[in-house]
Amino acid sequence: QVQLVESGGGLVQPGGSLTLSCAASGSIRSIYAMGWYRQAPGKQRELVATVSSGSSLNYADSVKGRFTISRDNAKDMVYLQMNSLKPEDTAVYYCYGDIRSYLRARGDYWGQGTQVTVSS
């Protein structure tokens, strides 16, 4: 079984910064991509940022220039550095992994989510 566990969420004032972390563990054979999605009240879950095994980066237009995704392949970790946070960034942030395990074929895995609240 593969697990993704997020940490680092919390309450921050507008203009502040937070860094989210996600650790993948379990019977991992290959990780093809990792990233972050978020879901705000009344909205659908949306992509925030992803990084592939080839280090190809993809960001939502709303976070470009403010958020930075990074990955530590040796540790099976992915991070999201969030700067210049806005109230519109308030959401539950979910870690995502495109992973092949020893128990199943390549597929999508999700963390439990961590709350990020931007408010003054």
Protein backbone atom coordinates (compact mmCIF):
# COMPACT_ATOMS: atom_id res chain seq x y z
CA GLN A 1 0.00 0.00 0.00
CA VAL A 2 1.13 3.57 -0.75
CA GLN A 3 0.43 6.45 1.58
CA LEU A 4 0.84 10.20 1.10
CA VAL A 5 0.94 12.35 4.24
CA GLU A 6 0.86 16.16 4.15
CA SER A 7 2.00 18.60 6.79
CA GLY A 8 2.61 22.32 7.18
CA GLY A 9 -0.84 23.82 6.84
CA GLY A 10 -2.14 26.50 9.14
CA LEU A 11 -3.38 30.05 9.53
CA VAL A 12 -1.42 32.91 7.96
CA GLN A 13 -2.10 36.58 7.26
CA PRO A 14 -2.36 37.91 3.70
CA GLY A 15 1.10 38.42 2.26
CA GLY A 16 2.59 35.74 4.46
CA SER A 17 4.24 32.45 3.60
CA LEU A 18 3.80 28.76 4.32
CA THR A 19 5.59 25.64 3.18
CA LEU A 20 3.74 22.36 2.75
CA SER A 21 5.44 18.98 2.81
CA CYS A 22 4.30 15.58 1.59
CA ALA A 23 5.94 12.23 2.24
CA ALA A 24 5.20 9.15 0.17
CA SER A 25 5.72 5.74 1.73
CA GLY A 26 4.83 2.10 1.21
CA SER A 27 5.46 -0.41 -1.54
CA ILE A 28 6.65 2.14 -4.09
CA ARG A 29 8.23 0.94 -7.31
CA SER A 30 8.27 4.19 -9.28
CA ILE A 31 7.03 7.75 -8.83
CA TYR A 32 6.26 9.39 -12.15
CA ALA A 33 4.98 12.69 -10.79
CA MET A 34 4.00 14.39 -7.56
CA GLY A 35 2.13 17.57 -6.89
CA TRP A 36 -0.52 19.56 -5.10
CA TYR A 37 -4.21 20.17 -5.63
CA ARG A 38 -6.57 22.27 -3.56
CA GLN A 39 -10.28 22.57 -2.92
CA ALA A 40 -11.93 25.69 -1.55
CA PRO A 41 -15.49 25.86 -0.20
CA GLY A 42 -17.98 25.87 -3.04
CA LYS A 43 -15.35 25.05 -5.65
CA GLN A 44 -14.08 21.95 -7.40
CA ARG A 45 -10.68 20.52 -6.68
CA GLU A 46 -8.09 22.22 -8.86
CA LEU A 47 -4.48 21.70 -9.78
CA VAL A 48 -1.97 23.90 -7.99
CA ALA A 49 1.38 22.54 -9.15
CA THR A 50 3.01 19.31 -10.30
CA VAL A 51 6.53 18.09 -10.96
CA SER A 52 7.31 15.02 -13.06
CA SER A 53 10.10 12.50 -12.73
CA GLY A 54 11.84 14.42 -15.49
CA SER A 55 11.50 17.65 -13.46
CA SER A 56 8.87 19.13 -15.76
CA LEU A 57 6.91 21.76 -13.82
CA ASN A 58 3.29 22.77 -14.17
CA TYR A 59 1.59 25.59 -12.23
CA ALA A 60 -1.89 26.97 -12.14
CA ASP A 61 -2.01 30.50 -13.53
CA SER A 62 -3.34 31.79 -10.22
CA VAL A 63 -0.18 30.78 -8.34
CA LYS A 64 2.56 31.41 -10.89
CA GLY A 65 5.24 33.66 -9.47
CA ARG A 66 4.10 33.05 -5.90
CA PHE A 67 4.29 29.28 -5.32
CA THR A 68 7.24 26.98 -5.92
CA ILE A 69 7.04 23.20 -6.08
CA SER A 70 10.08 21.04 -5.44
CA ARG A 71 10.74 17.33 -5.13
CA ASP A 72 13.32 15.23 -3.33
CA ASN A 73 13.39 11.99 -5.29
CA ALA A 74 15.73 10.24 -2.86
CA LYS A 75 13.34 10.84 0.04
CA ASP A 76 10.05 10.48 -1.90
CA MET A 77 9.09 13.97 -0.75
CA VAL A 78 7.43 16.92 -2.44
CA TYR A 79 7.16 20.46 -1.12
CA LEU A 80 5.12 23.54 -1.91
CA GLN A 81 6.57 26.90 -0.92
CA MET A 82 3.77 29.45 -0.86
CA ASN A 83 4.63 33.15 -0.78
CA SER A 84 2.52 36.31 -1.00
CA LEU A 85 -0.51 34.37 0.13
CA LYS A 86 -3.96 35.75 -0.61
CA PRO A 87 -7.35 35.03 0.97
CA GLU A 88 -8.26 33.33 -2.30
CA ASP A 89 -5.61 30.69 -1.54
CA THR A 90 -7.65 29.45 1.41
CA ALA A 91 -8.42 25.78 0.77
CA VAL A 92 -7.68 22.23 1.75
CA TYR A 93 -4.46 21.28 -0.01
CA TYR A 94 -4.01 17.67 -1.13
CA CYS A 95 -0.80 15.93 -2.02
CA TYR A 96 -0.93 13.95 -5.28
CA GLY A 97 1.22 11.16 -6.60
CA ASP A 98 1.36 9.35 -9.94
CA ILE A 99 2.84 6.14 -8.58
CA ARG A 100 3.44 2.53 -9.53
CA SER A 101 3.54 0.20 -6.55
CA TYR A 102 4.41 -3.48 -6.23
CA LEU A 103 0.74 -4.22 -5.53
CA ARG A 104 -0.91 -2.50 -8.48
CA ALA A 105 -0.25 -0.78 -11.76
CA ARG A 106 0.50 2.88 -12.10
CA GLY A 107 -2.24 5.06 -10.67
CA ASP A 108 -3.23 8.17 -8.74
CA TYR A 109 -2.76 8.48 -4.98
CA TRP A 110 -3.96 11.24 -2.67
CA GLY A 111 -3.10 12.50 0.78
CA GLN A 112 -5.63 13.27 3.47
CA GLY A 113 -5.37 17.03 2.98
CA THR A 114 -4.09 19.91 5.07
CA GLN A 115 -5.98 23.15 5.71
CA VAL A 116 -4.47 26.46 4.64
CA THR A 117 -6.32 29.56 5.81
CA VAL A 118 -5.27 33.06 4.74
CA SER A 119 -7.04 35.69 6.80
CA SER A 120 -6.33 38.90 8.67
